Amino acid sequence: MTSLTPKPSPVESWDRLPSDWHNDERMDALFAFFKDRELNPVHYDAKMKFWSETIINYCED
């Protein structure tokens, strides 16, 4: 018999998720398209840092 409970995706079960991952408002901004860096360099750099670190950490596991 099969279970009807969905299995977590590999990302959801990954134990090194960034703390922001469970903040829907923050993640909405992080999943949005990158705007030109000239519009807001601070936000652009923070977003790039988040994704760079997240991808590197995921690949290292």
PDB file of N, CA and C in Angstrom:
ATOM      1  N   MET A   1       0.851  -1.182   0.000  1.00  0.00           N
ATOM      2  CA  MET A   1       0.000   0.000   0.000  1.00  0.00           C
ATOM      3  C   MET A   1       0.892   1.239   0.000  1.00  0.00           C
ATOM      4  N   THR A   2       0.496   2.242  -0.733  1.00  0.00           N
ATOM      5  CA  THR A   2       1.288   3.472  -0.808  1.00  0.00           C
ATOM      6  C   THR A   2       0.742   4.523   0.143  1.00  0.00           C
ATOM      7  N   SER A   3       1.617   5.364   0.568  1.00  0.00           N
ATOM      8  CA  SER A   3       1.228   6.453   1.465  1.00  0.00           C
ATOM      9  C   SER A   3       0.714   7.636   0.653  1.00  0.00           C
ATOM     10  N   LEU A   4      -0.319   8.279   1.149  1.00  0.00           N
ATOM     11  CA  LEU A   4      -0.855   9.462   0.488  1.00  0.00           C
ATOM     12  C   LEU A   4      -0.174  10.742   0.958  1.00  0.00           C
ATOM     13  N   THR A   5       0.686  10.615   1.945  1.00  0.00           N
ATOM     14  CA  THR A   5       1.409  11.777   2.451  1.00  0.00           C
ATOM     15  C   THR A   5       2.532  12.118   1.480  1.00  0.00           C
ATOM     16  N   PRO A   6       2.538  13.349   0.968  1.00  0.00           N
ATOM     17  CA  PRO A   6       3.605  13.701   0.021  1.00  0.00           C
ATOM     18  C   PRO A   6       4.959  13.711   0.710  1.00  0.00           C
ATOM     19  N   LYS A   7       5.947  13.259  -0.013  1.00  0.00           N
ATOM     20  CA  LYS A   7       7.313  13.288   0.504  1.00  0.00           C
ATOM     21  C   LYS A   7       7.870  14.693   0.323  1.00  0.00           C
ATOM     22  N   PRO A   8       8.674  15.156   1.268  1.00  0.00           N
ATOM     23  CA  PRO A   8       9.276  16.486   1.086  1.00  0.00           C
ATOM     24  C   PRO A   8      10.236  16.464  -0.092  1.00  0.00           C
ATOM     25  N   SER A   9      10.311  17.587  -0.766  1.00  0.00           N
ATOM     26  CA  SER A   9      11.262  17.687  -1.874  1.00  0.00           C
ATOM     27  C   SER A   9      12.675  17.669  -1.297  1.00  0.00           C
ATOM     28  N   PRO A  10      13.685  17.388  -2.127  1.00  0.00           N
ATOM     29  CA  PRO A  10      15.061  17.400  -1.614  1.00  0.00           C
ATOM     30  C   PRO A  10      15.432  18.726  -0.953  1.00  0.00           C
ATOM     31  N   VAL A  11      14.925  19.835  -1.484  1.00  0.00           N
ATOM     32  CA  VAL A  11      15.249  21.137  -0.890  1.00  0.00           C
ATOM     33  C   VAL A  11      14.580  21.283   0.466  1.00  0.00           C
ATOM     34  N   GLU A  12      13.312  20.885   0.591  1.00  0.00           N
ATOM     35  CA  GLU A  12      12.599  21.033   1.859  1.00  0.00           C
ATOM     36  C   GLU A  12      13.220  20.185   2.961  1.00  0.00           C
ATOM     37  N   SER A  13      13.804  19.056   2.608  1.00  0.00           N
ATOM     38  CA  SER A  13      14.403  18.193   3.621  1.00  0.00           C
ATOM     39  C   SER A  13      15.885  18.500   3.846  1.00  0.00           C
ATOM     40  N   TRP A  14      16.411  19.421   3.081  1.00  0.00           N
ATOM     41  CA  TRP A  14      17.811  19.812   3.217  1.00  0.00           C
ATOM     42  C   TRP A  14      17.993  20.531   4.542  1.00  0.00           C
ATOM     43  N   ASP A  15      18.955  20.104   5.336  1.00  0.00           N
ATOM     44  CA  ASP A  15      19.115  20.659   6.686  1.00  0.00           C
ATOM     45  C   ASP A  15      19.883  21.971   6.734  1.00  0.00           C
ATOM     46  N   ARG A  16      20.329  22.480   5.597  1.00  0.00           N
ATOM     47  CA  ARG A  16      21.085  23.739   5.597  1.00  0.00           C
ATOM     48  C   ARG A  16      20.326  24.870   4.917  1.00  0.00           C
ATOM     49  N   LEU A  17      19.011  24.803   4.927  1.00  0.00           N
ATOM     50  CA  LEU A  17      18.227  25.886   4.333  1.00  0.00           C
ATOM     51  C   LEU A  17      18.532  27.198   5.044  1.00  0.00           C
ATOM     52  N   PRO A  18      18.634  28.281   4.307  1.00  0.00           N
ATOM     53  CA  PRO A  18      18.845  29.583   4.948  1.00  0.00           C
ATOM     54  C   PRO A  18      17.658  29.929   5.853  1.00  0.00           C
ATOM     55  N   SER A  19      17.909  30.698   6.872  1.00  0.00           N
ATOM     56  CA  SER A  19      16.840  31.057   7.818  1.00  0.00           C
ATOM     57  C   SER A  19      15.708  31.815   7.138  1.00  0.00           C
ATOM     58  N   ASP A  20      16.016  32.549   6.079  1.00  0.00           N
ATOM     59  CA  ASP A  20      14.981  33.303   5.355  1.00  0.00           C
ATOM     60  C   ASP A  20      14.010  32.404   4.601  1.00  0.00           C
ATOM     61  N   TRP A  21      14.347  31.137   4.417  1.00  0.00           N
ATOM     62  CA  TRP A  21      13.557  30.241   3.571  1.00  0.00           C
ATOM     63  C   TRP A  21      12.104  30.130   4.030  1.00  0.00           C
ATOM     64  N   HIS A  22      11.859  30.254   5.308  1.00  0.00           N
ATOM     65  CA  HIS A  22      10.502  30.097   5.844  1.00  0.00           C
ATOM     66  C   HIS A  22       9.777  31.432   6.026  1.00  0.00           C
ATOM     67  N   ASN A  23      10.373  32.509   5.557  1.00  0.00           N
ATOM     68  CA  ASN A  23       9.762  33.836   5.599  1.00  0.00           C
ATOM     69  C   ASN A  23       9.203  34.125   4.203  1.00  0.00           C
ATOM     70  N   ASP A  24       7.888  33.952   4.047  1.00  0.00           N
ATOM     71  CA  ASP A  24       7.269  34.070   2.724  1.00  0.00           C
ATOM     72  C   ASP A  24       7.492  35.429   2.072  1.00  0.00           C
ATOM     73  N   GLU A  25       7.397  36.481   2.840  1.00  0.00           N
ATOM     74  CA  GLU A  25       7.580  37.821   2.277  1.00  0.00           C
ATOM     75  C   GLU A  25       9.006  37.998   1.742  1.00  0.00           C
ATOM     76  N   ARG A  26       9.962  37.563   2.520  1.00  0.00           N
ATOM     77  CA  ARG A  26      11.371  37.664   2.105  1.00  0.00           C
ATOM     78  C   ARG A  26      11.632  36.799   0.874  1.00  0.00           C
ATOM     79  N   MET A  27      11.092  35.587   0.871  1.00  0.00           N
ATOM     80  CA  MET A  27      11.331  34.686  -0.254  1.00  0.00           C
ATOM     81  C   MET A  27      10.644  35.167  -1.528  1.00  0.00           C
ATOM     82  N   ASP A  28       9.495  35.831  -1.396  1.00  0.00           N
ATOM     83  CA  ASP A  28       8.855  36.421  -2.583  1.00  0.00           C
ATOM     84  C   ASP A  28       9.806  37.402  -3.259  1.00  0.00           C
ATOM     85  N   ALA A  29      10.475  38.210  -2.457  1.00  0.00           N
ATOM     86  CA  ALA A  29      11.430  39.178  -3.008  1.00  0.00           C
ATOM     87  C   ALA A  29      12.645  38.467  -3.612  1.00  0.00           C
ATOM     88  N   LEU A  30      13.105  37.420  -2.951  1.00  0.00           N
ATOM     89  CA  LEU A  30      14.283  36.713  -3.446  1.00  0.00           C
ATOM     90  C   LEU A  30      14.001  35.911  -4.715  1.00  0.00           C
ATOM     91  N   PHE A  31      12.755  35.462  -4.893  1.00  0.00           N
ATOM     92  CA  PHE A  31      12.393  34.720  -6.102  1.00  0.00           C
ATOM     93  C   PHE A  31      12.007  35.635  -7.263  1.00  0.00           C
ATOM     94  N   ALA A  32      11.841  36.908  -7.000  1.00  0.00           N
ATOM     95  CA  ALA A  32      11.501  37.854  -8.068  1.00  0.00           C
ATOM     96  C   ALA A  32      12.711  38.044  -8.987  1.00  0.00           C
ATOM     97  N   PHE A  33      12.444  38.486 -10.206  1.00  0.00           N
ATOM     98  CA  PHE A  33      13.524  38.746 -11.157  1.00  0.00           C
ATOM     99  C   PHE A  33      14.495  39.772 -10.590  1.00  0.00           C
ATOM    100  N   PHE A  34      15.754  39.614 -10.947  1.00  0.00           N
ATOM    101  CA  PHE A  34      16.755  40.618 -10.596  1.00  0.00           C
ATOM    102  C   PHE A  34      16.496  41.871 -11.424  1.00  0.00           C
ATOM    103  N   LYS A  35      16.481  43.010 -10.757  1.00  0.00           N
ATOM    104  CA  LYS A  35      16.394  44.293 -11.457  1.00  0.00           C
ATOM    105  C   LYS A  35      17.819  44.792 -11.675  1.00  0.00           C
ATOM    106  N   ASP A  36      17.974  45.795 -12.506  1.00  0.00           N
ATOM    107  CA  ASP A  36      19.308  46.342 -12.752  1.00  0.00           C
ATOM    108  C   ASP A  36      19.966  46.743 -11.437  1.00  0.00           C
ATOM    109  N   ARG A  37      21.222  46.416 -11.305  1.00  0.00           N
ATOM    110  CA  ARG A  37      21.955  46.723 -10.079  1.00  0.00           C
ATOM    111  C   ARG A  37      21.976  48.221  -9.799  1.00  0.00           C
ATOM    112  N   GLU A  38      21.996  49.032 -10.844  1.00  0.00           N
ATOM    113  CA  GLU A  38      22.060  50.484 -10.683  1.00  0.00           C
ATOM    114  C   GLU A  38      20.835  51.042  -9.953  1.00  0.00           C
ATOM    115  N   LEU A  39      19.710  50.348 -10.015  1.00  0.00           N
ATOM    116  CA  LEU A  39      18.494  50.821  -9.343  1.00  0.00           C
ATOM    117  C   LEU A  39      18.618  50.748  -7.826  1.00  0.00           C
ATOM    118  N   ASN A  40      19.249  49.696  -7.326  1.00  0.00           N
ATOM    119  CA  ASN A  40      19.429  49.544  -5.888  1.00  0.00           C
ATOM    120  C   ASN A  40      20.568  48.551  -5.645  1.00  0.00           C
ATOM    121  N   PRO A  41      21.806  49.036  -5.631  1.00  0.00           N
ATOM    122  CA  PRO A  41      22.954  48.132  -5.479  1.00  0.00           C
ATOM    123  C   PRO A  41      22.936  47.312  -4.189  1.00  0.00           C
ATOM    124  N   VAL A  42      22.431  47.890  -3.100  1.00  0.00           N
ATOM    125  CA  VAL A  42      22.415  47.173  -1.821  1.00  0.00           C
ATOM    126  C   VAL A  42      21.507  45.951  -1.908  1.00  0.00           C
ATOM    127  N   HIS A  43      20.287  46.126  -2.408  1.00  0.00           N
ATOM    128  CA  HIS A  43      19.359  44.998  -2.524  1.00  0.00           C
ATOM    129  C   HIS A  43      19.844  43.978  -3.548  1.00  0.00           C
ATOM    130  N   TYR A  44      20.386  44.464  -4.645  1.00  0.00           N
ATOM    131  CA  TYR A  44      20.905  43.564  -5.677  1.00  0.00           C
ATOM    132  C   TYR A  44      22.016  42.688  -5.093  1.00  0.00           C
ATOM    133  N   ASP A  45      22.960  43.314  -4.400  1.00  0.00           N
ATOM    134  CA  ASP A  45      24.090  42.572  -3.836  1.00  0.00           C
ATOM    135  C   ASP A  45      23.635  41.586  -2.766  1.00  0.00           C
ATOM    136  N   ALA A  46      22.660  41.983  -1.945  1.00  0.00           N
ATOM    137  CA  ALA A  46      22.149  41.084  -0.908  1.00  0.00           C
ATOM    138  C   ALA A  46      21.457  39.874  -1.531  1.00  0.00           C
ATOM    139  N   LYS A  47      20.692  40.113  -2.571  1.00  0.00           N
ATOM    140  CA  LYS A  47      19.994  39.027  -3.259  1.00  0.00           C
ATOM    141  C   LYS A  47      21.002  38.095  -3.935  1.00  0.00           C
ATOM    142  N   MET A  48      21.996  38.655  -4.591  1.00  0.00           N
ATOM    143  CA  MET A  48      23.025  37.849  -5.247  1.00  0.00           C
ATOM    144  C   MET A  48      23.800  37.028  -4.222  1.00  0.00           C
ATOM    145  N   LYS A  49      24.113  37.633  -3.090  1.00  0.00           N
ATOM    146  CA  LYS A  49      24.830  36.933  -2.018  1.00  0.00           C
ATOM    147  C   LYS A  49      23.994  35.774  -1.495  1.00  0.00           C
ATOM    148  N   PHE A  50      22.707  36.010  -1.258  1.00  0.00           N
ATOM    149  CA  PHE A  50      21.816  34.959  -0.761  1.00  0.00           C
ATOM    150  C   PHE A  50      21.835  33.761  -1.704  1.00  0.00           C
ATOM    151  N   TRP A  51      21.599  34.012  -3.005  1.00  0.00           N
ATOM    152  CA  TRP A  51      21.515  32.904  -3.958  1.00  0.00           C
ATOM    153  C   TRP A  51      22.867  32.242  -4.182  1.00  0.00           C
ATOM    154  N   SER A  52      23.922  33.006  -4.225  1.00  0.00           N
ATOM    155  CA  SER A  52      25.256  32.420  -4.404  1.00  0.00           C
ATOM    156  C   SER A  52      25.598  31.489  -3.249  1.00  0.00           C
ATOM    157  N   GLU A  53      25.402  31.954  -2.030  1.00  0.00           N
ATOM    158  CA  GLU A  53      25.704  31.135  -0.855  1.00  0.00           C
ATOM    159  C   GLU A  53      24.794  29.916  -0.772  1.00  0.00           C
ATOM    160  N   THR A  54      23.515  30.094  -1.075  1.00  0.00           N
ATOM    161  CA  THR A  54      22.569  28.981  -1.010  1.00  0.00           C
ATOM    162  C   THR A  54      22.935  27.899  -2.022  1.00  0.00           C
ATOM    163  N   ILE A  55      23.239  28.297  -3.233  1.00  0.00           N
ATOM    164  CA  ILE A  55      23.590  27.324  -4.281  1.00  0.00           C
ATOM    165  C   ILE A  55      24.908  26.628  -3.955  1.00  0.00           C
ATOM    166  N   ILE A  56      25.892  27.382  -3.503  1.00  0.00           N
ATOM    167  CA  ILE A  56      27.183  26.781  -3.143  1.00  0.00           C
ATOM    168  C   ILE A  56      27.000  25.782  -2.010  1.00  0.00           C
ATOM    169  N   ASN A  57      26.266  26.154  -0.964  1.00  0.00           N
ATOM    170  CA  ASN A  57      26.036  25.243   0.161  1.00  0.00           C
ATOM    171  C   ASN A  57      25.310  23.982  -0.278  1.00  0.00           C
ATOM    172  N   TYR A  58      24.329  24.130  -1.152  1.00  0.00           N
ATOM    173  CA  TYR A  58      23.573  22.973  -1.634  1.00  0.00           C
ATOM    174  C   TYR A  58      24.475  22.037  -2.441  1.00  0.00           C
ATOM    175  N   CYS A  59      25.326  22.606  -3.281  1.00  0.00           N
ATOM    176  CA  CYS A  59      26.219  21.794  -4.117  1.00  0.00           C
ATOM    177  C   CYS A  59      27.299  21.093  -3.295  1.00  0.00           C
ATOM    178  N   GLU A  60      27.694  21.693  -2.188  1.00  0.00           N
ATOM    179  CA  GLU A  60      28.729  21.096  -1.346  1.00  0.00           C
ATOM    180  C   GLU A  60      28.209  19.919  -0.533  1.00  0.00           C
ATOM    181  N   ASP A  61      26.916  19.826  -0.357  1.00  0.00           N
ATOM    182  CA  ASP A  61      26.345  18.708   0.425  1.00  0.00           C
ATOM    183  C   ASP A  61      26.282  17.436  -0.363  1.00  0.00           C
TER     184      ASP A  61
END
